[in-house]
Amino acid sequence: MKKNNPFENKSLEELKATKAKYQKIVAVFTGLMTVAVIVIVYVAITTKNWAQLATLGAIGAFLPMFISIQALDKEIKRREQNN
């Protein structure tokens, strides 16, 4: 069974623009998450409430975006090789 590729109906320029947009979104959220991780670790250490560190598991929320960027990369490379 073939997987449904949501990017095959877009042009190469649209794919590159979408990839750039996704990368900007990931960069912004990565910066915010870095600050949040520092704050959470600091608060956990100062209050000695180690259960707060469990909230760091929310970093996994980035996984779908990374998978989308990876799929875009594969589609862009496939199209550039065919040209």
C-alpha atoms as a PDB file:
ATOM      1  CA  MET A   1       0.000   0.000   0.000  1.00  0.00           C
ATOM      2  CA  LYS A   2       1.397   3.361  -1.034  1.00  0.00           C
ATOM      3  CA  LYS A   3       1.569   6.152   1.527  1.00  0.00           C
ATOM      4  CA  ASN A   4      -0.371   9.307   0.789  1.00  0.00           C
ATOM      5  CA  ASN A   5       2.145  12.082   0.058  1.00  0.00           C
ATOM      6  CA  PRO A   6       0.584  15.478   0.840  1.00  0.00           C
ATOM      7  CA  PHE A   7       3.432  17.289  -0.928  1.00  0.00           C
ATOM      8  CA  GLU A   8       3.223  15.732  -4.392  1.00  0.00           C
ATOM      9  CA  ASN A   9       0.676  18.285  -5.665  1.00  0.00           C
ATOM     10  CA  LYS A  10       2.926  21.257  -4.876  1.00  0.00           C
ATOM     11  CA  SER A  11       5.575  22.777  -7.125  1.00  0.00           C
ATOM     12  CA  LEU A  12       9.250  22.696  -6.198  1.00  0.00           C
ATOM     13  CA  GLU A  13       9.178  26.384  -5.271  1.00  0.00           C
ATOM     14  CA  GLU A  14       6.167  25.844  -3.001  1.00  0.00           C
ATOM     15  CA  LEU A  15       7.934  22.916  -1.332  1.00  0.00           C
ATOM     16  CA  LYS A  16      11.016  25.016  -0.636  1.00  0.00           C
ATOM     17  CA  ALA A  17       8.867  27.849   0.746  1.00  0.00           C
ATOM     18  CA  THR A  18       6.971  25.420   2.972  1.00  0.00           C
ATOM     19  CA  LYS A  19      10.227  23.928   4.225  1.00  0.00           C
ATOM     20  CA  ALA A  20      11.589  27.389   5.040  1.00  0.00           C
ATOM     21  CA  LYS A  21       8.369  28.243   6.898  1.00  0.00           C
ATOM     22  CA  TYR A  22       8.495  25.016   8.921  1.00  0.00           C
ATOM     23  CA  GLN A  23      12.157  25.595   9.781  1.00  0.00           C
ATOM     24  CA  LYS A  24      11.388  29.106  11.036  1.00  0.00           C
ATOM     25  CA  ILE A  25       8.574  27.781  13.203  1.00  0.00           C
ATOM     26  CA  VAL A  26      10.823  25.078  14.650  1.00  0.00           C
ATOM     27  CA  ALA A  27      13.588  27.629  15.310  1.00  0.00           C
ATOM     28  CA  VAL A  28      11.218  29.906  17.247  1.00  0.00           C
ATOM     29  CA  PHE A  29       9.781  27.059  19.304  1.00  0.00           C
ATOM     30  CA  THR A  30      13.248  25.665  19.952  1.00  0.00           C
ATOM     31  CA  GLY A  31      14.319  29.021  21.371  1.00  0.00           C
ATOM     32  CA  LEU A  32      11.245  29.185  23.558  1.00  0.00           C
ATOM     33  CA  MET A  33      11.690  25.601  24.741  1.00  0.00           C
ATOM     34  CA  THR A  34      15.345  26.262  25.588  1.00  0.00           C
ATOM     35  CA  VAL A  35      14.339  29.138  27.830  1.00  0.00           C
ATOM     36  CA  ALA A  36      11.539  27.041  29.341  1.00  0.00           C
ATOM     37  CA  VAL A  37      13.901  24.131  30.049  1.00  0.00           C
ATOM     38  CA  ILE A  38      16.365  26.435  31.792  1.00  0.00           C
ATOM     39  CA  VAL A  39      13.596  27.947  33.921  1.00  0.00           C
ATOM     40  CA  ILE A  40      12.099  24.555  34.781  1.00  0.00           C
ATOM     41  CA  VAL A  41      15.465  23.090  35.776  1.00  0.00           C
ATOM     42  CA  TYR A  42      16.294  26.187  37.839  1.00  0.00           C
ATOM     43  CA  VAL A  43      12.957  26.077  39.678  1.00  0.00           C
ATOM     44  CA  ALA A  44      13.261  22.312  40.241  1.00  0.00           C
ATOM     45  CA  ILE A  45      16.728  22.730  41.742  1.00  0.00           C
ATOM     46  CA  THR A  46      15.879  25.704  43.948  1.00  0.00           C
ATOM     47  CA  THR A  47      12.654  24.190  45.285  1.00  0.00           C
ATOM     48  CA  LYS A  48      14.020  20.608  45.322  1.00  0.00           C
ATOM     49  CA  ASN A  49      10.781  19.537  43.665  1.00  0.00           C
ATOM     50  CA  TRP A  50      12.171  17.031  41.166  1.00  0.00           C
ATOM     51  CA  ALA A  51       8.734  16.085  39.859  1.00  0.00           C
ATOM     52  CA  GLN A  52       8.720  19.310  37.832  1.00  0.00           C
ATOM     53  CA  LEU A  53      11.364  17.812  35.579  1.00  0.00           C
ATOM     54  CA  ALA A  54       8.707  15.459  34.199  1.00  0.00           C
ATOM     55  CA  THR A  55       7.293  18.403  32.254  1.00  0.00           C
ATOM     56  CA  LEU A  56      10.363  18.258  30.026  1.00  0.00           C
ATOM     57  CA  GLY A  57       8.703  15.358  28.228  1.00  0.00           C
ATOM     58  CA  ALA A  58       6.729  17.936  26.264  1.00  0.00           C
ATOM     59  CA  ILE A  59       9.763  18.332  24.013  1.00  0.00           C
ATOM     60  CA  GLY A  60       8.402  15.345  22.082  1.00  0.00           C
ATOM     61  CA  ALA A  61       5.724  17.645  20.693  1.00  0.00           C
ATOM     62  CA  PHE A  62       8.283  18.738  18.074  1.00  0.00           C
ATOM     63  CA  LEU A  63       8.467  15.284  16.524  1.00  0.00           C
ATOM     64  CA  PRO A  64       5.630  15.749  13.974  1.00  0.00           C
ATOM     65  CA  MET A  65       7.204  18.968  12.703  1.00  0.00           C
ATOM     66  CA  PHE A  66      10.603  17.286  12.282  1.00  0.00           C
ATOM     67  CA  ILE A  67       8.936  14.415  10.424  1.00  0.00           C
ATOM     68  CA  SER A  68       7.229  16.897   8.085  1.00  0.00           C
ATOM     69  CA  ILE A  69      10.518  18.664   7.385  1.00  0.00           C
ATOM     70  CA  GLN A  70      12.156  15.305   6.685  1.00  0.00           C
ATOM     71  CA  ALA A  71       9.358  14.367   4.263  1.00  0.00           C
ATOM     72  CA  LEU A  72       9.758  17.731   2.523  1.00  0.00           C
ATOM     73  CA  ASP A  73      13.509  17.142   2.191  1.00  0.00           C
ATOM     74  CA  LYS A  74      12.918  13.736   0.602  1.00  0.00           C
ATOM     75  CA  GLU A  75      10.377  15.133  -1.867  1.00  0.00           C
ATOM     76  CA  ILE A  76      12.652  18.063  -2.812  1.00  0.00           C
ATOM     77  CA  LYS A  77      15.632  15.739  -3.362  1.00  0.00           C
ATOM     78  CA  ARG A  78      13.501  13.332  -5.404  1.00  0.00           C
ATOM     79  CA  ARG A  79      12.312  16.134  -7.678  1.00  0.00           C
ATOM     80  CA  GLU A  80      15.768  17.679  -8.060  1.00  0.00           C
ATOM     81  CA  GLN A  81      17.208  14.283  -9.054  1.00  0.00           C
ATOM     82  CA  ASN A  82      14.486  13.834 -11.695  1.00  0.00           C
ATOM     83  CA  ASN A  83      15.321  17.163 -13.345  1.00  0.00           C
END
